[in-house]
Amino acid sequence: MGTYLVHRVFILLVSFIAALLVIFILLRLLPGDPANALLPPDASPEQVAAARAKVGSDLPLTHQLAAWFSGVFRGDFGESFISGIPVAPEVFARLRVTVPLTLISFVISVFVAGVIGFIAAYKNGRWYAVILTAGTQIGIAIPIFWVGILFVWIFALHLHILPSGGWPAEGWRNAGHALRALVLPTATIVFMMSATLARYIRAGVLNVLDSGYIRTSRSLGFSLVSSFVFHGIRNAAVPVVSIMGIELSSTLLGAVMVENIFSLPGLGSMLTKAIAQHDYPSIQGILLTTTFLVLMIGFIADVIQRILDPRLRIPRDGA
């Protein structure tokens, strides 16, 4: 296991460095100069040269890349071209909204999907199991922004029981209002993510219920539920864990998009504003942070899957 962790950490670092390189190159392939964000339409050549020197776009790409890499590994993402404030503290401040929204939505989605998926598999063929399965397909097909708008119309504009968006000025110091502001965004993400995850859970449970060791356990006098609890959950969880890692990453990216619908001051609103203003340091900082979180989620999912399934710990040469 120790060798595997060292190998997996090495892959994580290589993937992270490759992601840094890709983010840097793709942003430089966009048309226009980053210095344009600081210039008026009628800027003189002297102003253009001064702006390029200020943002560093007059330097060779290798120098720009080296400067960004060294800054990233020091925890310095640069300064915003527009506001002039450091990007890293702003990104970490926005994570106080994005991360809780992601984690709360994911935990609720796993619970809801687990219940739906298990019932749909355990009662496979019953009319309500068919309805649950069809409902998950509908949940996958509906665009997430449309679900958010629908929830706003029902619960905020029609019933007047929840805010349509926004965030308390006190932030998490006013935990009650902060949690209330997250209800509709969380419900929107849960509606979409639980539908997708429930289908994988249903498939995993069906595969376990039809397995030989469950039939053997039943022949020894155990009930189907007892056989599944004591012998099947671990086997059903192995393929689902990797899917849950993907879904958690999707929840994070979905949260970034949902934040714009509900005017939450998370990474989503910051990214939208940075793109509109061509604020390269802010864009790079946000993409870097979300990429790192997605890579970490995949790393943790792989480790958990290896712990659950002893077969993955057997050397490939069979020794």
C-alpha atoms as a PDB file:
ATOM      1  CA  MET A   1       0.000   0.000   0.000  1.00  0.00           C
ATOM      2  CA  GLY A   2       2.881   2.352   0.788  1.00  0.00           C
ATOM      3  CA  THR A   3       4.400   1.838  -2.658  1.00  0.00           C
ATOM      4  CA  TYR A   4       1.035   2.477  -4.250  1.00  0.00           C
ATOM      5  CA  LEU A   5       0.588   5.741  -2.320  1.00  0.00           C
ATOM      6  CA  VAL A   6       4.029   6.972  -3.372  1.00  0.00           C
ATOM      7  CA  HIS A   7       3.255   6.068  -6.987  1.00  0.00           C
ATOM      8  CA  ARG A   8      -0.173   7.708  -6.814  1.00  0.00           C
ATOM      9  CA  VAL A   9       1.190  10.895  -5.224  1.00  0.00           C
ATOM     10  CA  PHE A  10       3.799  11.089  -8.001  1.00  0.00           C
ATOM     11  CA  ILE A  11       1.026  10.795 -10.607  1.00  0.00           C
ATOM     12  CA  LEU A  12      -0.931  13.492  -8.756  1.00  0.00           C
ATOM     13  CA  LEU A  13       2.019  15.892  -8.860  1.00  0.00           C
ATOM     14  CA  VAL A  14       2.705  15.199 -12.531  1.00  0.00           C
ATOM     15  CA  SER A  15      -0.983  15.709 -13.371  1.00  0.00           C
ATOM     16  CA  PHE A  16      -1.031  18.968 -11.431  1.00  0.00           C
ATOM     17  CA  ILE A  17       2.055  20.303 -13.214  1.00  0.00           C
ATOM     18  CA  ALA A  18       0.580  19.264 -16.575  1.00  0.00           C
ATOM     19  CA  ALA A  19      -2.656  21.066 -15.665  1.00  0.00           C
ATOM     20  CA  LEU A  20      -0.671  24.219 -14.827  1.00  0.00           C
ATOM     21  CA  LEU A  21       0.980  24.051 -18.232  1.00  0.00           C
ATOM     22  CA  VAL A  22      -2.292  23.478 -20.085  1.00  0.00           C
ATOM     23  CA  ILE A  23      -4.057  26.345 -18.273  1.00  0.00           C
ATOM     24  CA  PHE A  24      -1.190  28.709 -19.056  1.00  0.00           C
ATOM     25  CA  ILE A  25      -0.984  27.741 -22.744  1.00  0.00           C
ATOM     26  CA  LEU A  26      -4.728  27.810 -23.396  1.00  0.00           C
ATOM     27  CA  LEU A  27      -5.117  31.286 -21.916  1.00  0.00           C
ATOM     28  CA  ARG A  28      -2.217  32.571 -24.047  1.00  0.00           C
ATOM     29  CA  LEU A  29      -3.845  31.142 -27.167  1.00  0.00           C
ATOM     30  CA  LEU A  30      -6.842  33.421 -26.701  1.00  0.00           C
ATOM     31  CA  PRO A  31      -6.902  36.445 -29.015  1.00  0.00           C
ATOM     32  CA  GLY A  32      -5.776  39.769 -27.588  1.00  0.00           C
ATOM     33  CA  ASP A  33      -3.187  40.863 -25.063  1.00  0.00           C
ATOM     34  CA  PRO A  34      -3.779  40.632 -21.296  1.00  0.00           C
ATOM     35  CA  ALA A  35      -2.701  44.269 -21.062  1.00  0.00           C
ATOM     36  CA  ASN A  36      -5.866  45.304 -22.943  1.00  0.00           C
ATOM     37  CA  ALA A  37      -7.782  44.949 -19.669  1.00  0.00           C
ATOM     38  CA  LEU A  38      -5.931  48.021 -18.377  1.00  0.00           C
ATOM     39  CA  LEU A  39      -6.156  50.181 -21.490  1.00  0.00           C
ATOM     40  CA  PRO A  40      -8.793  52.584 -22.820  1.00  0.00           C
ATOM     41  CA  PRO A  41      -9.935  52.143 -26.436  1.00  0.00           C
ATOM     42  CA  ASP A  42      -7.793  55.077 -27.624  1.00  0.00           C
ATOM     43  CA  ALA A  43      -4.606  54.072 -25.788  1.00  0.00           C
ATOM     44  CA  SER A  44      -1.336  55.480 -27.106  1.00  0.00           C
ATOM     45  CA  PRO A  45       1.643  53.256 -27.949  1.00  0.00           C
ATOM     46  CA  GLU A  46       3.341  54.467 -24.765  1.00  0.00           C
ATOM     47  CA  GLN A  47       0.348  53.439 -22.670  1.00  0.00           C
ATOM     48  CA  VAL A  48       0.258  50.033 -24.379  1.00  0.00           C
ATOM     49  CA  ALA A  49       3.957  49.485 -23.684  1.00  0.00           C
ATOM     50  CA  ALA A  50       3.545  50.532 -20.031  1.00  0.00           C
ATOM     51  CA  ALA A  51       0.529  48.248 -19.577  1.00  0.00           C
ATOM     52  CA  ARG A  52       2.343  45.292 -21.139  1.00  0.00           C
ATOM     53  CA  ALA A  53       5.321  45.865 -18.872  1.00  0.00           C
ATOM     54  CA  LYS A  54       3.008  46.034 -15.853  1.00  0.00           C
ATOM     55  CA  VAL A  55       1.262  42.710 -16.561  1.00  0.00           C
ATOM     56  CA  GLY A  56       4.423  41.055 -17.878  1.00  0.00           C
ATOM     57  CA  SER A  57       3.072  40.235 -21.327  1.00  0.00           C
ATOM     58  CA  ASP A  58       6.112  41.858 -22.937  1.00  0.00           C
ATOM     59  CA  LEU A  59       8.300  39.077 -21.580  1.00  0.00           C
ATOM     60  CA  PRO A  60       8.970  35.813 -23.458  1.00  0.00           C
ATOM     61  CA  LEU A  61       6.450  33.066 -22.742  1.00  0.00           C
ATOM     62  CA  THR A  62       9.109  30.964 -21.035  1.00  0.00           C
ATOM     63  CA  HIS A  63       9.770  33.798 -18.559  1.00  0.00           C
ATOM     64  CA  GLN A  64       6.044  34.254 -17.935  1.00  0.00           C
ATOM     65  CA  LEU A  65       5.606  30.512 -17.395  1.00  0.00           C
ATOM     66  CA  ALA A  66       8.565  30.287 -15.004  1.00  0.00           C
ATOM     67  CA  ALA A  67       7.305  33.282 -13.016  1.00  0.00           C
ATOM     68  CA  TRP A  68       3.811  31.794 -12.712  1.00  0.00           C
ATOM     69  CA  PHE A  69       5.080  28.351 -11.740  1.00  0.00           C
ATOM     70  CA  SER A  70       7.337  29.765  -9.043  1.00  0.00           C
ATOM     71  CA  GLY A  71       4.498  31.923  -7.730  1.00  0.00           C
ATOM     72  CA  VAL A  72       2.029  29.030  -7.622  1.00  0.00           C
ATOM     73  CA  PHE A  73       4.339  26.831  -5.576  1.00  0.00           C
ATOM     74  CA  ARG A  74       4.796  29.736  -3.149  1.00  0.00           C
ATOM     75  CA  GLY A  75       1.036  30.143  -2.856  1.00  0.00           C
ATOM     76  CA  ASP A  76       1.098  33.382  -4.866  1.00  0.00           C
ATOM     77  CA  PHE A  77      -1.343  33.475  -7.793  1.00  0.00           C
ATOM     78  CA  GLY A  78      -0.425  37.043  -8.741  1.00  0.00           C
ATOM     79  CA  GLU A  79      -2.496  40.202  -8.530  1.00  0.00           C
ATOM     80  CA  SER A  80      -5.727  41.003 -10.311  1.00  0.00           C
ATOM     81  CA  PHE A  81      -5.283  43.245 -13.335  1.00  0.00           C
ATOM     82  CA  ILE A  82      -8.499  45.097 -12.454  1.00  0.00           C
ATOM     83  CA  SER A  83      -8.548  45.471  -8.670  1.00  0.00           C
ATOM     84  CA  GLY A  84      -4.818  45.115  -8.014  1.00  0.00           C
ATOM     85  CA  ILE A  85      -5.437  42.857  -4.995  1.00  0.00           C
ATOM     86  CA  PRO A  86      -3.755  39.438  -4.597  1.00  0.00           C
ATOM     87  CA  VAL A  87      -5.722  36.648  -6.268  1.00  0.00           C
ATOM     88  CA  ALA A  88      -4.958  33.821  -3.803  1.00  0.00           C
ATOM     89  CA  PRO A  89      -6.696  35.374  -0.730  1.00  0.00           C
ATOM     90  CA  GLU A  90      -9.720  36.236  -2.871  1.00  0.00           C
ATOM     91  CA  VAL A  91      -9.944  32.677  -4.226  1.00  0.00           C
ATOM     92  CA  PHE A  92      -9.663  31.174  -0.741  1.00  0.00           C
ATOM     93  CA  ALA A  93     -12.335  33.575   0.528  1.00  0.00           C
ATOM     94  CA  ARG A  94     -14.677  32.487  -2.274  1.00  0.00           C
ATOM     95  CA  LEU A  95     -14.065  28.843  -1.369  1.00  0.00           C
ATOM     96  CA  ARG A  96     -15.935  29.500   1.894  1.00  0.00           C
ATOM     97  CA  VAL A  97     -19.082  29.553  -0.219  1.00  0.00           C
ATOM     98  CA  THR A  98     -18.228  27.038  -2.954  1.00  0.00           C
ATOM     99  CA  VAL A  99     -16.834  24.246  -0.758  1.00  0.00           C
ATOM    100  CA  PRO A 100     -19.745  24.134   1.761  1.00  0.00           C
ATOM    101  CA  LEU A 101     -22.239  24.256  -1.106  1.00  0.00           C
ATOM    102  CA  THR A 102     -20.407  21.383  -2.832  1.00  0.00           C
ATOM    103  CA  LEU A 103     -20.042  19.188   0.248  1.00  0.00           C
ATOM    104  CA  ILE A 104     -23.586  19.712   1.554  1.00  0.00           C
ATOM    105  CA  SER A 105     -25.027  19.005  -1.897  1.00  0.00           C
ATOM    106  CA  PHE A 106     -22.878  15.918  -2.346  1.00  0.00           C
ATOM    107  CA  VAL A 107     -23.716  14.382   1.060  1.00  0.00           C
ATOM    108  CA  ILE A 108     -27.439  14.894   0.522  1.00  0.00           C
ATOM    109  CA  SER A 109     -27.160  13.579  -3.053  1.00  0.00           C
ATOM    110  CA  VAL A 110     -25.414  10.400  -1.865  1.00  0.00           C
ATOM    111  CA  PHE A 111     -28.125   9.775   0.733  1.00  0.00           C
ATOM    112  CA  VAL A 112     -31.009  10.440  -1.667  1.00  0.00           C
ATOM    113  CA  ALA A 113     -29.382   8.462  -4.484  1.00  0.00           C
ATOM    114  CA  GLY A 114     -28.610   5.579  -2.122  1.00  0.00           C
ATOM    115  CA  VAL A 115     -32.227   5.296  -1.040  1.00  0.00           C
ATOM    116  CA  ILE A 116     -33.591   5.607  -4.577  1.00  0.00           C
ATOM    117  CA  GLY A 117     -30.988   3.280  -6.102  1.00  0.00           C
ATOM    118  CA  PHE A 118     -31.421   0.566  -3.470  1.00  0.00           C
ATOM    119  CA  ILE A 119     -35.237   0.616  -3.660  1.00  0.00           C
ATOM    120  CA  ALA A 120     -35.158   0.601  -7.473  1.00  0.00           C
ATOM    121  CA  ALA A 121     -32.867  -2.452  -7.400  1.00  0.00           C
ATOM    122  CA  TYR A 122     -34.367  -4.319  -4.412  1.00  0.00           C
ATOM    123  CA  LYS A 123     -37.898  -3.912  -5.760  1.00  0.00           C
ATOM    124  CA  ASN A 124     -36.886  -4.245  -9.387  1.00  0.00           C
ATOM    125  CA  GLY A 125     -39.913  -4.741 -11.609  1.00  0.00           C
ATOM    126  CA  ARG A 126     -42.438  -3.199  -9.190  1.00  0.00           C
ATOM    127  CA  TRP A 127     -44.364  -0.210 -10.490  1.00  0.00           C
ATOM    128  CA  TYR A 128     -42.832   2.245  -8.030  1.00  0.00           C
ATOM    129  CA  ALA A 129     -39.320   0.986  -8.835  1.00  0.00           C
ATOM    130  CA  VAL A 130     -40.036   1.647 -12.520  1.00  0.00           C
ATOM    131  CA  ILE A 131     -41.254   5.159 -11.641  1.00  0.00           C
ATOM    132  CA  LEU A 132     -38.098   5.844  -9.612  1.00  0.00           C
ATOM    133  CA  THR A 133     -35.887   4.650 -12.468  1.00  0.00           C
ATOM    134  CA  ALA A 134     -37.789   6.770 -14.985  1.00  0.00           C
ATOM    135  CA  GLY A 135     -37.565   9.742 -12.629  1.00  0.00           C
ATOM    136  CA  THR A 136     -33.784   9.492 -12.529  1.00  0.00           C
ATOM    137  CA  GLN A 137     -33.684   9.551 -16.316  1.00  0.00           C
ATOM    138  CA  ILE A 138     -35.785  12.717 -16.332  1.00  0.00           C
ATOM    139  CA  GLY A 139     -33.480  14.253 -13.725  1.00  0.00           C
ATOM    140  CA  ILE A 140     -30.457  13.602 -15.932  1.00  0.00           C
ATOM    141  CA  ALA A 141     -32.132  15.085 -19.015  1.00  0.00           C
ATOM    142  CA  ILE A 142     -33.240  18.422 -17.504  1.00  0.00           C
ATOM    143  CA  PRO A 143     -30.638  21.250 -17.714  1.00  0.00           C
ATOM    144  CA  ILE A 144     -29.416  22.335 -14.289  1.00  0.00           C
ATOM    145  CA  PHE A 145     -29.948  26.059 -14.910  1.00  0.00           C
ATOM    146  CA  TRP A 146     -33.599  25.388 -15.794  1.00  0.00           C
ATOM    147  CA  VAL A 147     -34.076  23.492 -12.517  1.00  0.00           C
ATOM    148  CA  GLY A 148     -32.584  26.426 -10.604  1.00  0.00           C
ATOM    149  CA  ILE A 149     -34.862  28.928 -12.311  1.00  0.00           C
ATOM    150  CA  LEU A 150     -37.878  26.676 -11.662  1.00  0.00           C
ATOM    151  CA  PHE A 151     -37.027  26.417  -7.953  1.00  0.00           C
ATOM    152  CA  VAL A 152     -36.672  30.202  -7.734  1.00  0.00           C
ATOM    153  CA  TRP A 153     -40.076  30.673  -9.363  1.00  0.00           C
ATOM    154  CA  ILE A 154     -41.797  28.177  -7.063  1.00  0.00           C
ATOM    155  CA  PHE A 155     -40.183  28.754  -3.666  1.00  0.00           C
ATOM    156  CA  ALA A 156     -39.069  32.387  -3.898  1.00  0.00           C
ATOM    157  CA  LEU A 157     -41.441  34.189  -6.244  1.00  0.00           C
ATOM    158  CA  HIS A 158     -44.611  32.145  -5.739  1.00  0.00           C
ATOM    159  CA  LEU A 159     -44.469  30.722  -2.199  1.00  0.00           C
ATOM    160  CA  HIS A 160     -42.144  33.413  -0.745  1.00  0.00           C
ATOM    161  CA  ILE A 161     -40.544  30.960   1.696  1.00  0.00           C
ATOM    162  CA  LEU A 162     -36.911  31.093   0.508  1.00  0.00           C
ATOM    163  CA  PRO A 163     -34.641  33.824  -0.895  1.00  0.00           C
ATOM    164  CA  SER A 164     -34.181  33.870  -4.645  1.00  0.00           C
ATOM    165  CA  GLY A 165     -30.471  34.456  -4.265  1.00  0.00           C
ATOM    166  CA  GLY A 166     -27.795  36.517  -2.600  1.00  0.00           C
ATOM    167  CA  TRP A 167     -25.601  36.051   0.435  1.00  0.00           C
ATOM    168  CA  PRO A 168     -25.689  37.668   3.886  1.00  0.00           C
ATOM    169  CA  ALA A 169     -23.211  40.503   4.367  1.00  0.00           C
ATOM    170  CA  GLU A 170     -21.959  38.855   7.569  1.00  0.00           C
ATOM    171  CA  GLY A 171     -21.206  35.618   5.696  1.00  0.00           C
ATOM    172  CA  TRP A 172     -20.913  32.543   7.917  1.00  0.00           C
ATOM    173  CA  ARG A 173     -21.029  34.722  11.022  1.00  0.00           C
ATOM    174  CA  ASN A 174     -24.760  34.726  10.337  1.00  0.00           C
ATOM    175  CA  ALA A 175     -24.957  30.959   9.885  1.00  0.00           C
ATOM    176  CA  GLY A 176     -28.757  30.798   9.842  1.00  0.00           C
ATOM    177  CA  HIS A 177     -29.135  33.209   6.923  1.00  0.00           C
ATOM    178  CA  ALA A 178     -26.145  31.656   5.154  1.00  0.00           C
ATOM    179  CA  LEU A 179     -27.652  28.165   5.321  1.00  0.00           C
ATOM    180  CA  ARG A 180     -31.007  29.548   4.214  1.00  0.00           C
ATOM    181  CA  ALA A 181     -29.330  31.140   1.195  1.00  0.00           C
ATOM    182  CA  LEU A 182     -27.867  27.734   0.276  1.00  0.00           C
ATOM    183  CA  VAL A 183     -31.169  25.827   0.373  1.00  0.00           C
ATOM    184  CA  LEU A 184     -32.255  26.446  -3.222  1.00  0.00           C
ATOM    185  CA  PRO A 185     -28.746  26.100  -4.742  1.00  0.00           C
ATOM    186  CA  THR A 186     -28.281  22.862  -2.813  1.00  0.00           C
ATOM    187  CA  ALA A 187     -31.680  21.551  -3.900  1.00  0.00           C
ATOM    188  CA  THR A 188     -30.819  22.347  -7.521  1.00  0.00           C
ATOM    189  CA  ILE A 189     -27.545  20.423  -7.401  1.00  0.00           C
ATOM    190  CA  VAL A 190     -29.077  17.518  -5.450  1.00  0.00           C
ATOM    191  CA  PHE A 191     -31.873  17.179  -8.011  1.00  0.00           C
ATOM    192  CA  MET A 192     -29.329  16.682 -10.791  1.00  0.00           C
ATOM    193  CA  MET A 193     -26.568  14.752  -9.042  1.00  0.00           C
ATOM    194  CA  SER A 194     -28.760  12.284  -7.155  1.00  0.00           C
ATOM    195  CA  ALA A 195     -30.479  11.318 -10.404  1.00  0.00           C
ATOM    196  CA  THR A 196     -27.167  10.363 -12.020  1.00  0.00           C
ATOM    197  CA  LEU A 197     -25.707   8.654  -8.958  1.00  0.00           C
ATOM    198  CA  ALA A 198     -28.907   6.678  -8.270  1.00  0.00           C
ATOM    199  CA  ARG A 199     -28.613   4.899 -11.605  1.00  0.00           C
ATOM    200  CA  TYR A 200     -25.080   3.723 -10.821  1.00  0.00           C
ATOM    201  CA  ILE A 201     -26.103   2.600  -7.339  1.00  0.00           C
ATOM    202  CA  ARG A 202     -29.057   0.696  -8.778  1.00  0.00           C
ATOM    203  CA  ALA A 203     -26.782  -1.066 -11.274  1.00  0.00           C
ATOM    204  CA  GLY A 204     -24.260  -1.923  -8.547  1.00  0.00           C
ATOM    205  CA  VAL A 205     -26.902  -3.280  -6.181  1.00  0.00           C
ATOM    206  CA  LEU A 206     -28.528  -5.349  -8.951  1.00  0.00           C
ATOM    207  CA  ASN A 207     -25.148  -6.856  -9.811  1.00  0.00           C
ATOM    208  CA  VAL A 208     -24.549  -7.837  -6.176  1.00  0.00           C
ATOM    209  CA  LEU A 209     -28.053  -9.200  -5.590  1.00  0.00           C
ATOM    210  CA  ASP A 210     -27.618 -11.533  -8.571  1.00  0.00           C
ATOM    211  CA  SER A 211     -24.194 -12.758  -7.433  1.00  0.00           C
ATOM    212  CA  GLY A 212     -23.353 -16.283  -6.320  1.00  0.00           C
ATOM    213  CA  TYR A 213     -22.231 -15.374  -2.805  1.00  0.00           C
ATOM    214  CA  ILE A 214     -25.578 -13.711  -2.085  1.00  0.00           C
ATOM    215  CA  ARG A 215     -27.389 -16.856  -3.242  1.00  0.00           C
ATOM    216  CA  THR A 216     -25.094 -18.936  -1.020  1.00  0.00           C
ATOM    217  CA  SER A 217     -25.833 -16.678   1.943  1.00  0.00           C
ATOM    218  CA  ARG A 218     -29.573 -16.977   1.262  1.00  0.00           C
ATOM    219  CA  SER A 219     -29.264 -20.781   1.141  1.00  0.00           C
ATOM    220  CA  LEU A 220     -27.743 -20.682   4.628  1.00  0.00           C
ATOM    221  CA  GLY A 221     -30.881 -19.058   5.979  1.00  0.00           C
ATOM    222  CA  PHE A 222     -30.038 -15.340   5.842  1.00  0.00           C
ATOM    223  CA  SER A 223     -32.631 -12.914   4.523  1.00  0.00           C
ATOM    224  CA  LEU A 224     -31.903 -10.930   1.378  1.00  0.00           C
ATOM    225  CA  VAL A 225     -31.414  -7.714   3.348  1.00  0.00           C
ATOM    226  CA  SER A 226     -29.081  -9.393   5.868  1.00  0.00           C
ATOM    227  CA  SER A 227     -27.086 -11.005   3.074  1.00  0.00           C
ATOM    228  CA  PHE A 228     -26.703  -7.681   1.335  1.00  0.00           C
ATOM    229  CA  VAL A 229     -25.744  -5.798   4.511  1.00  0.00           C
ATOM    230  CA  PHE A 230     -23.121  -8.309   5.663  1.00  0.00           C
ATOM    231  CA  HIS A 231     -21.776  -9.515   2.325  1.00  0.00           C
ATOM    232  CA  GLY A 232     -22.923  -7.217  -0.450  1.00  0.00           C
ATOM    233  CA  ILE A 233     -22.446  -3.573   0.570  1.00  0.00           C
ATOM    234  CA  ARG A 234     -18.675  -3.664   0.300  1.00  0.00           C
ATOM    235  CA  ASN A 235     -18.759  -5.286  -3.130  1.00  0.00           C
ATOM    236  CA  ALA A 236     -21.469  -2.926  -4.351  1.00  0.00           C
ATOM    237  CA  ALA A 237     -19.492   0.068  -3.073  1.00  0.00           C
ATOM    238  CA  VAL A 238     -16.304  -0.746  -5.015  1.00  0.00           C
ATOM    239  CA  PRO A 239     -17.504   0.373  -8.482  1.00  0.00           C
ATOM    240  CA  VAL A 240     -19.694   3.110  -7.000  1.00  0.00           C
ATOM    241  CA  VAL A 241     -16.790   4.796  -5.161  1.00  0.00           C
ATOM    242  CA  SER A 242     -15.050   5.728  -8.413  1.00  0.00           C
ATOM    243  CA  ILE A 243     -18.353   7.044  -9.754  1.00  0.00           C
ATOM    244  CA  MET A 244     -18.852   9.021  -6.535  1.00  0.00           C
ATOM    245  CA  GLY A 245     -15.449  10.619  -7.065  1.00  0.00           C
ATOM    246  CA  ILE A 246     -16.507  11.692 -10.544  1.00  0.00           C
ATOM    247  CA  GLU A 247     -19.836  12.925  -9.207  1.00  0.00           C
ATOM    248  CA  LEU A 248     -18.156  14.928  -6.438  1.00  0.00           C
ATOM    249  CA  SER A 249     -15.996  16.593  -9.080  1.00  0.00           C
ATOM    250  CA  SER A 250     -19.136  17.243 -11.131  1.00  0.00           C
ATOM    251  CA  THR A 251     -20.826  18.639  -8.024  1.00  0.00           C
ATOM    252  CA  LEU A 252     -17.948  21.075  -7.560  1.00  0.00           C
ATOM    253  CA  LEU A 253     -18.112  22.211 -11.179  1.00  0.00           C
ATOM    254  CA  GLY A 254     -21.920  22.313 -11.016  1.00  0.00           C
ATOM    255  CA  ALA A 255     -21.733  24.456  -7.882  1.00  0.00           C
ATOM    256  CA  VAL A 256     -19.550  26.941  -9.737  1.00  0.00           C
ATOM    257  CA  MET A 257     -22.267  27.249 -12.405  1.00  0.00           C
ATOM    258  CA  VAL A 258     -25.197  27.288  -9.966  1.00  0.00           C
ATOM    259  CA  GLU A 259     -23.609  30.152  -8.016  1.00  0.00           C
ATOM    260  CA  ASN A 260     -24.269  32.442 -10.976  1.00  0.00           C
ATOM    261  CA  ILE A 261     -27.964  31.524 -10.993  1.00  0.00           C
ATOM    262  CA  PHE A 262     -28.369  32.387  -7.298  1.00  0.00           C
ATOM    263  CA  SER A 263     -25.886  35.308  -7.130  1.00  0.00           C
ATOM    264  CA  LEU A 264     -23.625  33.600  -4.588  1.00  0.00           C
ATOM    265  CA  PRO A 265     -20.157  35.119  -4.027  1.00  0.00           C
ATOM    266  CA  GLY A 266     -18.278  31.910  -4.784  1.00  0.00           C
ATOM    267  CA  LEU A 267     -15.794  30.909  -7.441  1.00  0.00           C
ATOM    268  CA  GLY A 268     -18.494  30.932 -10.133  1.00  0.00           C
ATOM    269  CA  SER A 269     -19.276  34.643  -9.931  1.00  0.00           C
ATOM    270  CA  MET A 270     -15.580  35.467  -9.631  1.00  0.00           C
ATOM    271  CA  LEU A 271     -14.764  33.394 -12.732  1.00  0.00           C
ATOM    272  CA  THR A 272     -17.555  34.979 -14.779  1.00  0.00           C
ATOM    273  CA  LYS A 273     -16.391  38.467 -13.855  1.00  0.00           C
ATOM    274  CA  ALA A 274     -12.748  37.635 -14.520  1.00  0.00           C
ATOM    275  CA  ILE A 275     -13.530  36.250 -17.982  1.00  0.00           C
ATOM    276  CA  ALA A 276     -15.586  39.333 -18.879  1.00  0.00           C
ATOM    277  CA  GLN A 277     -12.726  41.604 -17.787  1.00  0.00           C
ATOM    278  CA  HIS A 278      -9.914  39.466 -19.282  1.00  0.00           C
ATOM    279  CA  ASP A 279      -8.362  39.279 -15.835  1.00  0.00           C
ATOM    280  CA  TYR A 280      -5.832  36.528 -16.514  1.00  0.00           C
ATOM    281  CA  PRO A 281      -4.407  36.121 -12.978  1.00  0.00           C
ATOM    282  CA  SER A 282      -7.909  35.642 -11.529  1.00  0.00           C
ATOM    283  CA  ILE A 283      -8.880  33.180 -14.269  1.00  0.00           C
ATOM    284  CA  GLN A 284      -5.659  31.220 -13.768  1.00  0.00           C
ATOM    285  CA  GLY A 285      -6.096  31.169  -9.993  1.00  0.00           C
ATOM    286  CA  ILE A 286      -9.676  29.883 -10.176  1.00  0.00           C
ATOM    287  CA  LEU A 287      -8.929  27.230 -12.811  1.00  0.00           C
ATOM    288  CA  LEU A 288      -5.863  26.141 -10.873  1.00  0.00           C
ATOM    289  CA  THR A 289      -7.834  25.788  -7.637  1.00  0.00           C
ATOM    290  CA  THR A 290     -10.717  23.839  -9.166  1.00  0.00           C
ATOM    291  CA  THR A 291      -8.297  21.598 -11.088  1.00  0.00           C
ATOM    292  CA  PHE A 292      -6.354  20.824  -7.915  1.00  0.00           C
ATOM    293  CA  LEU A 293      -9.554  19.991  -6.031  1.00  0.00           C
ATOM    294  CA  VAL A 294     -10.729  17.687  -8.823  1.00  0.00           C
ATOM    295  CA  LEU A 295      -7.353  15.905  -8.874  1.00  0.00           C
ATOM    296  CA  MET A 296      -7.454  15.487  -5.089  1.00  0.00           C
ATOM    297  CA  ILE A 297     -10.957  14.043  -5.275  1.00  0.00           C
ATOM    298  CA  GLY A 298      -9.793  11.484  -7.828  1.00  0.00           C
ATOM    299  CA  PHE A 299      -6.779  10.627  -5.666  1.00  0.00           C
ATOM    300  CA  ILE A 300      -8.916  10.063  -2.553  1.00  0.00           C
ATOM    301  CA  ALA A 301     -11.452   7.988  -4.522  1.00  0.00           C
ATOM    302  CA  ASP A 302      -8.686   5.733  -5.875  1.00  0.00           C
ATOM    303  CA  VAL A 303      -7.236   5.174  -2.397  1.00  0.00           C
ATOM    304  CA  ILE A 304     -10.649   4.379  -0.883  1.00  0.00           C
ATOM    305  CA  GLN A 305     -11.435   1.974  -3.724  1.00  0.00           C
ATOM    306  CA  ARG A 306      -8.130   0.193  -3.162  1.00  0.00           C
ATOM    307  CA  ILE A 307      -8.861  -0.133   0.569  1.00  0.00           C
ATOM    308  CA  LEU A 308     -12.325  -1.576  -0.090  1.00  0.00           C
ATOM    309  CA  ASP A 309     -11.251  -4.099  -2.730  1.00  0.00           C
ATOM    310  CA  PRO A 310      -8.332  -6.368  -1.699  1.00  0.00           C
ATOM    311  CA  ARG A 311      -8.053  -7.613  -5.284  1.00  0.00           C
ATOM    312  CA  LEU A 312      -6.640  -4.246  -6.309  1.00  0.00           C
ATOM    313  CA  ARG A 313      -3.783  -4.721  -3.838  1.00  0.00           C
ATOM    314  CA  ILE A 314      -2.615  -7.953  -5.516  1.00  0.00           C
ATOM    315  CA  PRO A 315       0.541  -7.384  -7.627  1.00  0.00           C
ATOM    316  CA  ARG A 316      -0.040  -7.684 -11.351  1.00  0.00           C
ATOM    317  CA  ASP A 317       2.495 -10.477 -11.696  1.00  0.00           C
ATOM    318  CA  GLY A 318       0.382 -12.592  -9.322  1.00  0.00           C
ATOM    319  CA  ALA A 319       3.069 -12.797  -6.616  1.00  0.00           C
END
